[in-house]
Amino acid sequence: MGRQKRKKGGPCFHKQVPYLHRIIAIGHINEAVDQGNPEKTLEALLLPTAKLQDVRPVNARHYQDVLHHAKAQK
């Protein structure tokens, strides 16, 4: 069986990898928020794959509270 050609304009897995990494990072953030531990939430928010900017350790409790409240509203 030969290699299949990718359709022109079709999805390319390599381009989806950063997107998948970001989805995984969001999962880590959600798990940390559910645990109720601001330090774990901060750690997850700081993951490079989350691609968040200006996350500050001093705001860890605030991030936890806001994200927990937002999840509770869903």
PDB file of N, CA and C in Angstrom:
ATOM      1  N   MET A   1       0.827  -1.175   0.000  1.00  0.00           N
ATOM      2  CA  MET A   1       0.000   0.000   0.000  1.00  0.00           C
ATOM      3  C   MET A   1       0.877   1.246   0.000  1.00  0.00           C
ATOM      4  N   GLY A   2       0.649   2.138  -0.911  1.00  0.00           N
ATOM      5  CA  GLY A   2       1.449   3.350  -1.003  1.00  0.00           C
ATOM      6  C   GLY A   2       0.976   4.432  -0.052  1.00  0.00           C
ATOM      7  N   ARG A   3       1.774   5.455   0.060  1.00  0.00           N
ATOM      8  CA  ARG A   3       1.400   6.593   0.898  1.00  0.00           C
ATOM      9  C   ARG A   3       0.243   7.329   0.259  1.00  0.00           C
ATOM     10  N   GLN A   4      -0.702   7.694   1.077  1.00  0.00           N
ATOM     11  CA  GLN A   4      -1.830   8.459   0.565  1.00  0.00           C
ATOM     12  C   GLN A   4      -1.443   9.920   0.520  1.00  0.00           C
ATOM     13  N   LYS A   5      -1.869  10.567  -0.526  1.00  0.00           N
ATOM     14  CA  LYS A   5      -1.613  11.994  -0.643  1.00  0.00           C
ATOM     15  C   LYS A   5      -2.660  12.760   0.152  1.00  0.00           C
ATOM     16  N   ARG A   6      -2.223  13.800   0.795  1.00  0.00           N
ATOM     17  CA  ARG A   6      -3.140  14.671   1.518  1.00  0.00           C
ATOM     18  C   ARG A   6      -3.812  15.588   0.512  1.00  0.00           C
ATOM     19  N   LYS A   7      -5.105  15.744   0.664  1.00  0.00           N
ATOM     20  CA  LYS A   7      -5.831  16.639  -0.226  1.00  0.00           C
ATOM     21  C   LYS A   7      -5.312  18.053  -0.046  1.00  0.00           C
ATOM     22  N   LYS A   8      -5.202  18.749  -1.136  1.00  0.00           N
ATOM     23  CA  LYS A   8      -4.787  20.143  -1.073  1.00  0.00           C
ATOM     24  C   LYS A   8      -5.831  20.920  -0.276  1.00  0.00           C
ATOM     25  N   GLY A   9      -5.376  21.663   0.699  1.00  0.00           N
ATOM     26  CA  GLY A   9      -6.282  22.446   1.526  1.00  0.00           C
ATOM     27  C   GLY A   9      -6.892  21.655   2.674  1.00  0.00           C
ATOM     28  N   GLY A  10      -6.570  20.371   2.776  1.00  0.00           N
ATOM     29  CA  GLY A  10      -7.096  19.535   3.856  1.00  0.00           C
ATOM     30  C   GLY A  10      -6.344  19.792   5.146  1.00  0.00           C
ATOM     31  N   PRO A  11      -6.873  19.282   6.247  1.00  0.00           N
ATOM     32  CA  PRO A  11      -6.212  19.513   7.537  1.00  0.00           C
ATOM     33  C   PRO A  11      -4.858  18.821   7.604  1.00  0.00           C
ATOM     34  N   CYS A  12      -3.937  19.467   8.235  1.00  0.00           N
ATOM     35  CA  CYS A  12      -2.593  18.925   8.415  1.00  0.00           C
ATOM     36  C   CYS A  12      -2.385  18.706   9.914  1.00  0.00           C
ATOM     37  N   PHE A  13      -2.056  17.487  10.301  1.00  0.00           N
ATOM     38  CA  PHE A  13      -1.906  17.157  11.709  1.00  0.00           C
ATOM     39  C   PHE A  13      -0.893  18.057  12.398  1.00  0.00           C
ATOM     40  N   HIS A  14       0.208  18.353  11.728  1.00  0.00           N
ATOM     41  CA  HIS A  14       1.262  19.159  12.348  1.00  0.00           C
ATOM     42  C   HIS A  14       0.774  20.550  12.705  1.00  0.00           C
ATOM     43  N   LYS A  15      -0.157  21.065  11.956  1.00  0.00           N
ATOM     44  CA  LYS A  15      -0.710  22.383  12.273  1.00  0.00           C
ATOM     45  C   LYS A  15      -1.687  22.295  13.434  1.00  0.00           C
ATOM     46  N   GLN A  16      -2.232  21.108  13.690  1.00  0.00           N
ATOM     47  CA  GLN A  16      -3.198  20.932  14.769  1.00  0.00           C
ATOM     48  C   GLN A  16      -2.523  20.676  16.112  1.00  0.00           C
ATOM     49  N   VAL A  17      -1.254  20.331  16.120  1.00  0.00           N
ATOM     50  CA  VAL A  17      -0.565  19.983  17.362  1.00  0.00           C
ATOM     51  C   VAL A  17      -0.616  21.117  18.384  1.00  0.00           C
ATOM     52  N   PRO A  18      -0.278  22.366  18.034  1.00  0.00           N
ATOM     53  CA  PRO A  18      -0.366  23.434  19.041  1.00  0.00           C
ATOM     54  C   PRO A  18      -1.787  23.587  19.594  1.00  0.00           C
ATOM     55  N   TYR A  19      -2.778  23.418  18.732  1.00  0.00           N
ATOM     56  CA  TYR A  19      -4.171  23.498  19.162  1.00  0.00           C
ATOM     57  C   TYR A  19      -4.467  22.391  20.174  1.00  0.00           C
ATOM     58  N   LEU A  20      -4.009  21.196  19.892  1.00  0.00           N
ATOM     59  CA  LEU A  20      -4.230  20.071  20.802  1.00  0.00           C
ATOM     60  C   LEU A  20      -3.516  20.288  22.131  1.00  0.00           C
ATOM     61  N   HIS A  21      -2.322  20.842  22.092  1.00  0.00           N
ATOM     62  CA  HIS A  21      -1.585  21.143  23.327  1.00  0.00           C
ATOM     63  C   HIS A  21      -2.357  22.155  24.167  1.00  0.00           C
ATOM     64  N   ARG A  22      -2.967  23.121  23.498  1.00  0.00           N
ATOM     65  CA  ARG A  22      -3.739  24.135  24.216  1.00  0.00           C
ATOM     66  C   ARG A  22      -4.979  23.513  24.861  1.00  0.00           C
ATOM     67  N   ILE A  23      -5.629  22.600  24.154  1.00  0.00           N
ATOM     68  CA  ILE A  23      -6.797  21.909  24.709  1.00  0.00           C
ATOM     69  C   ILE A  23      -6.393  21.119  25.958  1.00  0.00           C
ATOM     70  N   ILE A  24      -5.245  20.474  25.900  1.00  0.00           N
ATOM     71  CA  ILE A  24      -4.743  19.723  27.057  1.00  0.00           C
ATOM     72  C   ILE A  24      -4.464  20.674  28.219  1.00  0.00           C
ATOM     73  N   ALA A  25      -3.872  21.831  27.930  1.00  0.00           N
ATOM     74  CA  ALA A  25      -3.591  22.818  28.974  1.00  0.00           C
ATOM     75  C   ALA A  25      -4.893  23.288  29.626  1.00  0.00           C
ATOM     76  N   ILE A  26      -5.928  23.497  28.831  1.00  0.00           N
ATOM     77  CA  ILE A  26      -7.228  23.913  29.370  1.00  0.00           C
ATOM     78  C   ILE A  26      -7.782  22.829  30.291  1.00  0.00           C
ATOM     79  N   GLY A  27      -7.582  21.581  29.912  1.00  0.00           N
ATOM     80  CA  GLY A  27      -8.004  20.477  30.778  1.00  0.00           C
ATOM     81  C   GLY A  27      -7.295  20.512  32.120  1.00  0.00           C
ATOM     82  N   HIS A  28      -5.996  20.814  32.104  1.00  0.00           N
ATOM     83  CA  HIS A  28      -5.227  20.920  33.352  1.00  0.00           C
ATOM     84  C   HIS A  28      -5.745  22.081  34.202  1.00  0.00           C
ATOM     85  N   ILE A  29      -6.069  23.187  33.552  1.00  0.00           N
ATOM     86  CA  ILE A  29      -6.605  24.346  34.274  1.00  0.00           C
ATOM     87  C   ILE A  29      -7.933  23.974  34.926  1.00  0.00           C
ATOM     88  N   ASN A  30      -8.813  23.333  34.178  1.00  0.00           N
ATOM     89  CA  ASN A  30     -10.115  22.929  34.725  1.00  0.00           C
ATOM     90  C   ASN A  30      -9.957  21.986  35.911  1.00  0.00           C
ATOM     91  N   GLU A  31      -9.052  21.030  35.812  1.00  0.00           N
ATOM     92  CA  GLU A  31      -8.811  20.095  36.919  1.00  0.00           C
ATOM     93  C   GLU A  31      -8.314  20.837  38.156  1.00  0.00           C
ATOM     94  N   ALA A  32      -7.404  21.778  37.946  1.00  0.00           N
ATOM     95  CA  ALA A  32      -6.859  22.538  39.070  1.00  0.00           C
ATOM     96  C   ALA A  32      -7.946  23.381  39.731  1.00  0.00           C
ATOM     97  N   VAL A  33      -8.781  24.019  38.937  1.00  0.00           N
ATOM     98  CA  VAL A  33      -9.878  24.826  39.484  1.00  0.00           C
ATOM     99  C   VAL A  33     -10.806  23.934  40.307  1.00  0.00           C
ATOM    100  N   ASP A  34     -11.116  22.754  39.789  1.00  0.00           N
ATOM    101  CA  ASP A  34     -11.997  21.821  40.498  1.00  0.00           C
ATOM    102  C   ASP A  34     -11.407  21.372  41.834  1.00  0.00           C
ATOM    103  N   GLN A  35     -10.086  21.310  41.924  1.00  0.00           N
ATOM    104  CA  GLN A  35      -9.425  20.914  43.176  1.00  0.00           C
ATOM    105  C   GLN A  35      -9.513  22.016  44.229  1.00  0.00           C
ATOM    106  N   GLY A  36      -9.750  23.249  43.779  1.00  0.00           N
ATOM    107  CA  GLY A  36      -9.888  24.364  44.710  1.00  0.00           C
ATOM    108  C   GLY A  36      -8.579  24.865  45.286  1.00  0.00           C
ATOM    109  N   ASN A  37      -7.475  24.531  44.655  1.00  0.00           N
ATOM    110  CA  ASN A  37      -6.154  24.917  45.144  1.00  0.00           C
ATOM    111  C   ASN A  37      -5.596  26.030  44.258  1.00  0.00           C
ATOM    112  N   PRO A  38      -5.526  27.270  44.785  1.00  0.00           N
ATOM    113  CA  PRO A  38      -5.037  28.391  43.977  1.00  0.00           C
ATOM    114  C   PRO A  38      -3.632  28.178  43.410  1.00  0.00           C
ATOM    115  N   GLU A  39      -2.771  27.503  44.171  1.00  0.00           N
ATOM    116  CA  GLU A  39      -1.406  27.278  43.684  1.00  0.00           C
ATOM    117  C   GLU A  39      -1.398  26.335  42.481  1.00  0.00           C
ATOM    118  N   LYS A  40      -2.224  25.304  42.526  1.00  0.00           N
ATOM    119  CA  LYS A  40      -2.323  24.374  41.389  1.00  0.00           C
ATOM    120  C   LYS A  40      -2.931  25.087  40.182  1.00  0.00           C
ATOM    121  N   THR A  41      -3.926  25.925  40.441  1.00  0.00           N
ATOM    122  CA  THR A  41      -4.548  26.679  39.351  1.00  0.00           C
ATOM    123  C   THR A  41      -3.521  27.603  38.714  1.00  0.00           C
ATOM    124  N   LEU A  42      -2.750  28.290  39.536  1.00  0.00           N
ATOM    125  CA  LEU A  42      -1.704  29.171  39.019  1.00  0.00           C
ATOM    126  C   LEU A  42      -0.700  28.386  38.187  1.00  0.00           C
ATOM    127  N   GLU A  43      -0.284  27.243  38.699  1.00  0.00           N
ATOM    128  CA  GLU A  43       0.671  26.392  37.982  1.00  0.00           C
ATOM    129  C   GLU A  43       0.124  26.015  36.595  1.00  0.00           C
ATOM    130  N   ALA A  44      -1.156  25.671  36.542  1.00  0.00           N
ATOM    131  CA  ALA A  44      -1.770  25.300  35.264  1.00  0.00           C
ATOM    132  C   ALA A  44      -1.887  26.508  34.334  1.00  0.00           C
ATOM    133  N   LEU A  45      -2.226  27.660  34.893  1.00  0.00           N
ATOM    134  CA  LEU A  45      -2.344  28.873  34.073  1.00  0.00           C
ATOM    135  C   LEU A  45      -0.995  29.280  33.482  1.00  0.00           C
ATOM    136  N   LEU A  46       0.076  28.936  34.172  1.00  0.00           N
ATOM    137  CA  LEU A  46       1.420  29.303  33.722  1.00  0.00           C
ATOM    138  C   LEU A  46       2.022  28.316  32.720  1.00  0.00           C
ATOM    139  N   LEU A  47       1.320  27.235  32.423  1.00  0.00           N
ATOM    140  CA  LEU A  47       1.833  26.291  31.424  1.00  0.00           C
ATOM    141  C   LEU A  47       2.068  27.027  30.105  1.00  0.00           C
ATOM    142  N   PRO A  48       3.232  26.852  29.500  1.00  0.00           N
ATOM    143  CA  PRO A  48       3.510  27.530  28.223  1.00  0.00           C
ATOM    144  C   PRO A  48       2.479  27.202  27.143  1.00  0.00           C
ATOM    145  N   THR A  49       1.944  25.992  27.177  1.00  0.00           N
ATOM    146  CA  THR A  49       0.976  25.591  26.153  1.00  0.00           C
ATOM    147  C   THR A  49      -0.377  26.275  26.331  1.00  0.00           C
ATOM    148  N   ALA A  50      -0.629  26.864  27.515  1.00  0.00           N
ATOM    149  CA  ALA A  50      -1.875  27.609  27.722  1.00  0.00           C
ATOM    150  C   ALA A  50      -1.835  28.932  26.962  1.00  0.00           C
ATOM    151  N   LYS A  51      -0.633  29.406  26.683  1.00  0.00           N
ATOM    152  CA  LYS A  51      -0.415  30.640  25.928  1.00  0.00           C
ATOM    153  C   LYS A  51      -1.122  31.852  26.547  1.00  0.00           C
ATOM    154  N   LEU A  52      -1.115  31.916  27.880  1.00  0.00           N
ATOM    155  CA  LEU A  52      -1.689  33.060  28.584  1.00  0.00           C
ATOM    156  C   LEU A  52      -0.575  34.049  28.904  1.00  0.00           C
ATOM    157  N   GLN A  53      -0.931  35.310  28.904  1.00  0.00           N
ATOM    158  CA  GLN A  53       0.058  36.353  29.183  1.00  0.00           C
ATOM    159  C   GLN A  53      -0.324  37.100  30.454  1.00  0.00           C
ATOM    160  N   ASP A  54       0.659  37.660  31.094  1.00  0.00           N
ATOM    161  CA  ASP A  54       0.474  38.503  32.279  1.00  0.00           C
ATOM    162  C   ASP A  54      -0.204  37.788  33.444  1.00  0.00           C
ATOM    163  N   VAL A  55       0.026  36.491  33.579  1.00  0.00           N
ATOM    164  CA  VAL A  55      -0.478  35.749  34.734  1.00  0.00           C
ATOM    165  C   VAL A  55       0.484  36.035  35.883  1.00  0.00           C
ATOM    166  N   ARG A  56      -0.056  36.531  36.990  1.00  0.00           N
ATOM    167  CA  ARG A  56       0.786  36.949  38.110  1.00  0.00           C
ATOM    168  C   ARG A  56       0.512  36.100  39.353  1.00  0.00           C
ATOM    169  N   PRO A  57       1.561  35.577  39.947  1.00  0.00           N
ATOM    170  CA  PRO A  57       1.396  34.740  41.139  1.00  0.00           C
ATOM    171  C   PRO A  57       0.604  35.416  42.264  1.00  0.00           C
ATOM    172  N   VAL A  58       0.756  36.707  42.411  1.00  0.00           N
ATOM    173  CA  VAL A  58       0.056  37.425  43.475  1.00  0.00           C
ATOM    174  C   VAL A  58      -1.467  37.326  43.310  1.00  0.00           C
ATOM    175  N   ASN A  59      -1.933  37.044  42.109  1.00  0.00           N
ATOM    176  CA  ASN A  59      -3.370  36.959  41.830  1.00  0.00           C
ATOM    177  C   ASN A  59      -3.914  35.529  41.863  1.00  0.00           C
ATOM    178  N   ALA A  60      -3.147  34.586  42.367  1.00  0.00           N
ATOM    179  CA  ALA A  60      -3.548  33.173  42.336  1.00  0.00           C
ATOM    180  C   ALA A  60      -4.929  32.952  42.949  1.00  0.00           C
ATOM    181  N   ARG A  61      -5.189  33.513  44.118  1.00  0.00           N
ATOM    182  CA  ARG A  61      -6.491  33.341  44.780  1.00  0.00           C
ATOM    183  C   ARG A  61      -7.607  33.951  43.922  1.00  0.00           C
ATOM    184  N   HIS A  62      -7.350  35.101  43.343  1.00  0.00           N
ATOM    185  CA  HIS A  62      -8.351  35.758  42.492  1.00  0.00           C
ATOM    186  C   HIS A  62      -8.667  34.896  41.268  1.00  0.00           C
ATOM    187  N   TYR A  63      -7.632  34.361  40.607  1.00  0.00           N
ATOM    188  CA  TYR A  63      -7.856  33.491  39.446  1.00  0.00           C
ATOM    189  C   TYR A  63      -8.713  32.293  39.845  1.00  0.00           C
ATOM    190  N   GLN A  64      -8.368  31.679  40.986  1.00  0.00           N
ATOM    191  CA  GLN A  64      -9.118  30.515  41.466  1.00  0.00           C
ATOM    192  C   GLN A  64     -10.583  30.877  41.680  1.00  0.00           C
ATOM    193  N   ASP A  65     -10.824  31.985  42.367  1.00  0.00           N
ATOM    194  CA  ASP A  65     -12.199  32.394  42.678  1.00  0.00           C
ATOM    195  C   ASP A  65     -12.999  32.704  41.417  1.00  0.00           C
ATOM    196  N   VAL A  66     -12.409  33.464  40.512  1.00  0.00           N
ATOM    197  CA  VAL A  66     -13.112  33.855  39.283  1.00  0.00           C
ATOM    198  C   VAL A  66     -13.401  32.638  38.408  1.00  0.00           C
ATOM    199  N   LEU A  67     -12.415  31.773  38.236  1.00  0.00           N
ATOM    200  CA  LEU A  67     -12.613  30.596  37.384  1.00  0.00           C
ATOM    201  C   LEU A  67     -13.602  29.612  38.012  1.00  0.00           C
ATOM    202  N   HIS A  68     -13.536  29.454  39.328  1.00  0.00           N
ATOM    203  CA  HIS A  68     -14.490  28.570  40.002  1.00  0.00           C
ATOM    204  C   HIS A  68     -15.914  29.109  39.836  1.00  0.00           C
ATOM    205  N   HIS A  69     -16.082  30.404  40.019  1.00  0.00           N
ATOM    206  CA  HIS A  69     -17.397  31.035  39.859  1.00  0.00           C
ATOM    207  C   HIS A  69     -17.904  30.874  38.422  1.00  0.00           C
ATOM    208  N   ALA A  70     -17.023  31.082  37.454  1.00  0.00           N
ATOM    209  CA  ALA A  70     -17.413  30.950  36.040  1.00  0.00           C
ATOM    210  C   ALA A  70     -17.854  29.518  35.731  1.00  0.00           C
ATOM    211  N   LYS A  71     -17.136  28.541  36.262  1.00  0.00           N
ATOM    212  CA  LYS A  71     -17.513  27.136  36.030  1.00  0.00           C
ATOM    213  C   LYS A  71     -18.852  26.825  36.691  1.00  0.00           C
ATOM    214  N   ALA A  72     -19.096  27.404  37.850  1.00  0.00           N
ATOM    215  CA  ALA A  72     -20.350  27.156  38.568  1.00  0.00           C
ATOM    216  C   ALA A  72     -21.547  27.741  37.816  1.00  0.00           C
ATOM    217  N   GLN A  73     -21.301  28.781  37.023  1.00  0.00           N
ATOM    218  CA  GLN A  73     -22.379  29.429  36.265  1.00  0.00           C
ATOM    219  C   GLN A  73     -22.790  28.644  35.032  1.00  0.00           C
ATOM    220  N   LYS A  74     -21.956  27.714  34.597  1.00  0.00           N
ATOM    221  CA  LYS A  74     -22.253  26.940  33.373  1.00  0.00           C
ATOM    222  C   LYS A  74     -23.358  25.954  33.602  1.00  0.00           C
TER     223      LYS A  74
END
